[in-house]
Amino acid sequence: MTSRNRNFAFAAPRQAAGFTLLEMLVVILVMSLIMGMLAAYGPQKSHWLETRGAAQNLAGAMAEARGRAIATGMPVALKLPAVPEWLTETASGPITFEPDGSATGGTVTLTEQARSITVTVNWLTARVGVHEE
């Protein structure tokens, strides 16, 4: 390797590509302002998503009550879990799960404005179904 090639390998380019410190600070400042504005409004809430979550909690409570009835060998009456105050909960009647895995059957409807979700329990198999309307 000659001296000319060695100097060429370590030569710096005439114009370095990149951002200045001032440009980086401006970008960080703008991003901070945008994030601050988003944080001030807080997370957006969807009543319909909360309604679907409440229906899933109800279906889980039904499955848990059925399992408890089978495990203890005694009938278990379903206790409805708490729902948000803006949600209307309508039950067809008390739902009881029997030790043999069956249930009295019934429906619970959760209504949010014009939309509703119905959670049903089959009387023979105690199968739980969630149906959006």
Protein backbone atom coordinates (compact mmCIF):
# COMPACT_ATOMS: atom_id res chain seq x y z
CA MET A 1 0.00 0.00 0.00
CA THR A 2 1.45 3.32 -1.00
CA SER A 3 1.29 6.46 1.05
CA ARG A 4 -1.14 7.98 -1.41
CA ASN A 5 -3.71 5.18 -0.88
CA ARG A 6 -3.33 5.36 2.91
CA ASN A 7 -4.09 9.09 2.97
CA PHE A 8 -7.11 8.59 0.77
CA ALA A 9 -8.56 5.95 3.10
CA PHE A 10 -8.48 8.32 6.09
CA ALA A 11 -9.53 11.47 4.30
CA ALA A 12 -12.73 13.06 5.65
CA PRO A 13 -15.50 14.04 3.27
CA ARG A 14 -15.75 17.74 2.53
CA GLN A 15 -19.36 18.07 3.72
CA ALA A 16 -20.59 15.92 6.61
CA ALA A 17 -24.24 14.80 6.45
CA GLY A 18 -26.37 15.09 9.59
CA PHE A 19 -28.45 17.41 11.73
CA THR A 20 -27.30 20.31 13.84
CA LEU A 21 -27.95 20.46 17.55
CA LEU A 22 -30.42 23.31 17.00
CA GLU A 23 -32.46 21.25 14.52
CA MET A 24 -32.62 18.33 16.94
CA LEU A 25 -33.77 20.59 19.79
CA VAL A 26 -36.54 22.07 17.62
CA VAL A 27 -37.80 18.59 16.71
CA ILE A 28 -37.78 17.51 20.36
CA LEU A 29 -39.64 20.67 21.37
CA VAL A 30 -42.35 20.15 18.74
CA MET A 31 -42.76 16.49 19.72
CA SER A 32 -43.03 17.48 23.40
CA LEU A 33 -45.75 20.01 22.63
CA ILE A 34 -47.77 17.45 20.65
CA MET A 35 -47.42 14.82 23.37
CA GLY A 36 -48.42 17.36 26.01
CA MET A 37 -51.57 18.24 24.10
CA LEU A 38 -52.51 14.57 23.72
CA ALA A 39 -51.89 13.85 27.40
CA ALA A 40 -54.06 16.79 28.46
CA TYR A 41 -57.11 15.25 26.79
CA GLY A 42 -56.47 11.82 28.29
CA PRO A 43 -57.27 8.49 26.70
CA GLN A 44 -60.42 8.37 24.63
CA LYS A 45 -63.08 6.12 26.09
CA SER A 46 -65.56 4.11 24.12
CA HIS A 47 -68.77 3.21 25.90
CA TRP A 48 -69.34 0.42 23.40
CA LEU A 49 -65.96 -1.17 24.14
CA GLU A 50 -66.73 -0.96 27.86
CA THR A 51 -70.13 -2.56 27.19
CA ARG A 52 -68.45 -5.43 25.37
CA GLY A 53 -66.01 -5.80 28.27
CA ALA A 54 -68.88 -5.88 30.77
CA ALA A 55 -70.57 -8.61 28.69
CA GLN A 56 -67.36 -10.67 28.73
CA ASN A 57 -67.11 -10.21 32.52
CA LEU A 58 -70.70 -11.40 32.86
CA ALA A 59 -70.01 -14.46 30.70
CA GLY A 60 -66.96 -15.21 32.85
CA ALA A 61 -69.04 -14.89 36.05
CA MET A 62 -71.54 -17.37 34.59
CA ALA A 63 -68.82 -19.88 33.74
CA GLU A 64 -67.32 -19.46 37.21
CA ALA A 65 -70.71 -20.03 38.89
CA ARG A 66 -71.26 -23.19 36.83
CA GLY A 67 -67.82 -24.49 37.78
CA ARG A 68 -68.47 -23.76 41.44
CA ALA A 69 -71.81 -25.64 41.30
CA ILE A 70 -70.15 -28.70 39.78
CA ALA A 71 -67.20 -28.59 42.21
CA THR A 72 -69.28 -28.17 45.38
CA GLY A 73 -72.20 -30.39 44.36
CA MET A 74 -74.68 -27.66 45.31
CA PRO A 75 -76.76 -25.24 43.21
CA VAL A 76 -75.20 -21.80 42.75
CA ALA A 77 -77.26 -18.69 42.01
CA LEU A 78 -75.60 -16.21 39.67
CA LYS A 79 -74.68 -12.87 41.21
CA LEU A 80 -74.50 -10.25 38.48
CA PRO A 81 -71.21 -8.33 38.44
CA ALA A 82 -71.28 -4.55 38.75
CA VAL A 83 -71.63 -2.57 35.53
CA PRO A 84 -71.00 1.13 34.79
CA GLU A 85 -73.83 3.47 35.82
CA TRP A 86 -74.60 4.50 32.23
CA LEU A 87 -75.25 0.88 31.23
CA THR A 88 -78.74 -0.65 31.56
CA GLU A 89 -78.82 -4.26 32.74
CA THR A 90 -81.98 -6.33 32.21
CA ALA A 91 -82.24 -9.96 33.34
CA SER A 92 -84.97 -12.41 32.33
CA GLY A 93 -84.97 -13.79 35.86
CA PRO A 94 -82.66 -15.42 38.37
CA ILE A 95 -80.14 -17.84 36.86
CA THR A 96 -79.12 -20.87 38.91
CA PHE A 97 -76.48 -23.43 37.97
CA GLU A 98 -77.03 -27.05 39.06
CA PRO A 99 -74.38 -29.59 40.16
CA ASP A 100 -75.03 -31.76 37.10
CA GLY A 101 -73.85 -28.92 34.81
CA SER A 102 -77.28 -27.69 33.75
CA ALA A 103 -78.84 -24.32 34.53
CA THR A 104 -82.24 -22.68 34.80
CA GLY A 105 -81.38 -20.78 31.63
CA GLY A 106 -82.01 -17.15 30.94
CA THR A 107 -80.69 -13.98 29.41
CA VAL A 108 -79.07 -10.79 30.59
CA THR A 109 -79.15 -7.81 28.24
CA LEU A 110 -76.71 -4.92 28.56
CA THR A 111 -77.92 -1.80 26.74
CA GLU A 112 -75.86 1.27 25.85
CA GLN A 113 -77.93 3.92 24.07
CA ALA A 114 -79.30 2.24 20.91
CA ARG A 115 -77.05 -0.84 20.94
CA SER A 116 -77.21 -3.87 23.19
CA ILE A 117 -75.46 -7.13 23.96
CA THR A 118 -77.32 -10.19 25.18
CA VAL A 119 -75.64 -12.89 27.24
CA THR A 120 -77.60 -16.15 27.21
CA VAL A 121 -77.36 -19.35 29.22
CA ASN A 122 -78.68 -22.60 27.72
CA TRP A 123 -80.81 -24.44 30.28
CA LEU A 124 -79.62 -27.93 29.33
CA THR A 125 -75.90 -27.51 28.70
CA ALA A 126 -75.37 -24.21 30.59
CA ARG A 127 -73.46 -23.00 27.54
CA VAL A 128 -72.93 -19.25 27.64
CA GLY A 129 -73.34 -17.19 24.48
CA VAL A 130 -72.67 -13.49 23.86
CA HIS A 131 -74.67 -11.88 21.04
CA GLU A 132 -74.31 -8.28 19.86
CA GLU A 133 -77.43 -6.57 18.54
